Amino acid sequence: MLSTAFTEAVSPAYLGAGLALRSLLGFGAGAVAPLVFGRVLDLTNEAGTTPTHWGWAFVTLGLGGVLATWCAWGLARDRARAARAVPAG
């Protein structure tokens, strides 16, 4: 759904570059997320023991979801604003 909204909102001249940047950021986040998750898990649990406190590690994953939702919401607002600016007819 986000890709569809993105392709409708971006000018055709910039669509390839925009999708490339989106892919770079998306796959980059997928590569970094396990490192951040593990680091937070290490920081919130005692060294050398089996982790028992998982909450903050999962919060880091939730922050990524919140950021994606915020970006999609901003894209929808910009699109609605642009639609209102175009005169009918």
C-alpha atoms as a PDB file:
ATOM      1  CA  MET A   1       0.000   0.000   0.000  1.00  0.00           C
ATOM      2  CA  LEU A   2       2.809   2.420   0.814  1.00  0.00           C
ATOM      3  CA  SER A   3       4.466   1.719  -2.556  1.00  0.00           C
ATOM      4  CA  THR A   4       1.214   2.438  -4.377  1.00  0.00           C
ATOM      5  CA  ALA A   5       0.717   5.715  -2.535  1.00  0.00           C
ATOM      6  CA  PHE A   6       4.344   6.598  -3.194  1.00  0.00           C
ATOM      7  CA  THR A   7       4.064   5.990  -6.954  1.00  0.00           C
ATOM      8  CA  GLU A   8       0.913   8.108  -7.126  1.00  0.00           C
ATOM      9  CA  ALA A   9       2.454  10.993  -5.187  1.00  0.00           C
ATOM     10  CA  VAL A  10       5.881  11.227  -6.843  1.00  0.00           C
ATOM     11  CA  SER A  11       6.429  12.936 -10.173  1.00  0.00           C
ATOM     12  CA  PRO A  12       7.128  10.412 -12.961  1.00  0.00           C
ATOM     13  CA  ALA A  13      10.495  12.077 -13.598  1.00  0.00           C
ATOM     14  CA  TYR A  14      11.645  11.167 -10.067  1.00  0.00           C
ATOM     15  CA  LEU A  15       9.837   7.862  -9.629  1.00  0.00           C
ATOM     16  CA  GLY A  16      12.828   5.586 -10.286  1.00  0.00           C
ATOM     17  CA  ALA A  17      15.109   7.503  -7.946  1.00  0.00           C
ATOM     18  CA  GLY A  18      12.383   7.718  -5.315  1.00  0.00           C
ATOM     19  CA  LEU A  19      11.694   3.981  -5.378  1.00  0.00           C
ATOM     20  CA  ALA A  20      15.426   3.266  -5.252  1.00  0.00           C
ATOM     21  CA  LEU A  21      15.793   5.469  -2.175  1.00  0.00           C
ATOM     22  CA  ARG A  22      12.756   3.839  -0.565  1.00  0.00           C
ATOM     23  CA  SER A  23      14.245   0.392  -1.185  1.00  0.00           C
ATOM     24  CA  LEU A  24      17.628   1.464   0.171  1.00  0.00           C
ATOM     25  CA  LEU A  25      16.071   2.817   3.350  1.00  0.00           C
ATOM     26  CA  GLY A  26      13.752  -0.168   3.746  1.00  0.00           C
ATOM     27  CA  PHE A  27      16.430  -2.813   3.307  1.00  0.00           C
ATOM     28  CA  GLY A  28      18.844  -0.733   5.383  1.00  0.00           C
ATOM     29  CA  ALA A  29      16.320  -0.664   8.228  1.00  0.00           C
ATOM     30  CA  GLY A  30      15.903  -4.418   7.859  1.00  0.00           C
ATOM     31  CA  ALA A  31      19.652  -4.870   8.171  1.00  0.00           C
ATOM     32  CA  VAL A  32      20.073  -2.547  11.151  1.00  0.00           C
ATOM     33  CA  ALA A  33      16.994  -3.633  13.145  1.00  0.00           C
ATOM     34  CA  PRO A  34      18.451  -6.944  14.422  1.00  0.00           C
ATOM     35  CA  LEU A  35      21.614  -5.155  15.548  1.00  0.00           C
ATOM     36  CA  VAL A  36      19.658  -2.530  17.466  1.00  0.00           C
ATOM     37  CA  PHE A  37      17.321  -5.172  18.904  1.00  0.00           C
ATOM     38  CA  GLY A  38      20.261  -7.253  20.130  1.00  0.00           C
ATOM     39  CA  ARG A  39      22.086  -4.257  21.577  1.00  0.00           C
ATOM     40  CA  VAL A  40      19.015  -3.117  23.518  1.00  0.00           C
ATOM     41  CA  LEU A  41      18.483  -6.689  24.696  1.00  0.00           C
ATOM     42  CA  ASP A  42      22.089  -6.758  25.949  1.00  0.00           C
ATOM     43  CA  LEU A  43      21.723  -3.408  27.698  1.00  0.00           C
ATOM     44  CA  THR A  44      18.509  -4.328  29.506  1.00  0.00           C
ATOM     45  CA  ASN A  45      19.558  -7.790  30.743  1.00  0.00           C
ATOM     46  CA  GLU A  46      22.389  -9.069  32.901  1.00  0.00           C
ATOM     47  CA  ALA A  47      25.433 -10.289  31.031  1.00  0.00           C
ATOM     48  CA  GLY A  48      25.839 -14.055  30.750  1.00  0.00           C
ATOM     49  CA  THR A  49      22.244 -14.939  31.523  1.00  0.00           C
ATOM     50  CA  THR A  50      19.288 -15.862  29.372  1.00  0.00           C
ATOM     51  CA  PRO A  51      17.377 -12.655  28.540  1.00  0.00           C
ATOM     52  CA  THR A  52      14.212 -12.199  30.578  1.00  0.00           C
ATOM     53  CA  HIS A  53      13.449  -8.523  29.822  1.00  0.00           C
ATOM     54  CA  TRP A  54      12.382  -8.246  26.198  1.00  0.00           C
ATOM     55  CA  GLY A  55      10.092  -5.206  26.313  1.00  0.00           C
ATOM     56  CA  TRP A  56      12.528  -2.434  25.393  1.00  0.00           C
ATOM     57  CA  ALA A  57      13.983  -4.466  22.546  1.00  0.00           C
ATOM     58  CA  PHE A  58      10.515  -4.845  21.037  1.00  0.00           C
ATOM     59  CA  VAL A  59       9.883  -1.126  21.561  1.00  0.00           C
ATOM     60  CA  THR A  60      12.706  -0.433  19.092  1.00  0.00           C
ATOM     61  CA  LEU A  61      10.824  -2.450  16.459  1.00  0.00           C
ATOM     62  CA  GLY A  62       7.621  -0.585  17.257  1.00  0.00           C
ATOM     63  CA  LEU A  63       9.381   2.734  16.729  1.00  0.00           C
ATOM     64  CA  GLY A  64      10.098   1.695  13.138  1.00  0.00           C
ATOM     65  CA  GLY A  65       6.414   0.970  12.605  1.00  0.00           C
ATOM     66  CA  VAL A  66       5.430   4.304  14.121  1.00  0.00           C
ATOM     67  CA  LEU A  67       7.907   6.093  11.855  1.00  0.00           C
ATOM     68  CA  ALA A  68       6.528   4.336   8.753  1.00  0.00           C
ATOM     69  CA  THR A  69       2.962   5.217   9.768  1.00  0.00           C
ATOM     70  CA  TRP A  70       3.929   8.842  10.354  1.00  0.00           C
ATOM     71  CA  CYS A  71       5.553   9.019   6.895  1.00  0.00           C
ATOM     72  CA  ALA A  72       2.486   7.499   5.221  1.00  0.00           C
ATOM     73  CA  TRP A  73       0.218   9.907   7.078  1.00  0.00           C
ATOM     74  CA  GLY A  74       2.351  12.849   5.971  1.00  0.00           C
ATOM     75  CA  LEU A  75       2.224  11.629   2.378  1.00  0.00           C
ATOM     76  CA  ALA A  76      -1.571  11.447   2.524  1.00  0.00           C
ATOM     77  CA  ARG A  77      -1.807  14.976   3.940  1.00  0.00           C
ATOM     78  CA  ASP A  78       0.490  16.347   1.222  1.00  0.00           C
ATOM     79  CA  ARG A  79      -1.546  14.593  -1.449  1.00  0.00           C
ATOM     80  CA  ALA A  80      -4.815  15.976  -0.072  1.00  0.00           C
ATOM     81  CA  ARG A  81      -3.308  19.467   0.089  1.00  0.00           C
ATOM     82  CA  ALA A  82      -2.148  19.196  -3.532  1.00  0.00           C
ATOM     83  CA  ALA A  83      -5.582  17.962  -4.641  1.00  0.00           C
ATOM     84  CA  ARG A  84      -7.239  20.982  -3.023  1.00  0.00           C
ATOM     85  CA  ALA A  85      -4.774  23.335  -4.745  1.00  0.00           C
ATOM     86  CA  VAL A  86      -5.681  22.105  -8.250  1.00  0.00           C
ATOM     87  CA  PRO A  87      -8.698  23.983  -9.594  1.00  0.00           C
ATOM     88  CA  ALA A  88     -11.559  21.780 -10.784  1.00  0.00           C
ATOM     89  CA  GLY A  89     -12.406  21.801 -14.445  1.00  0.00           C
END
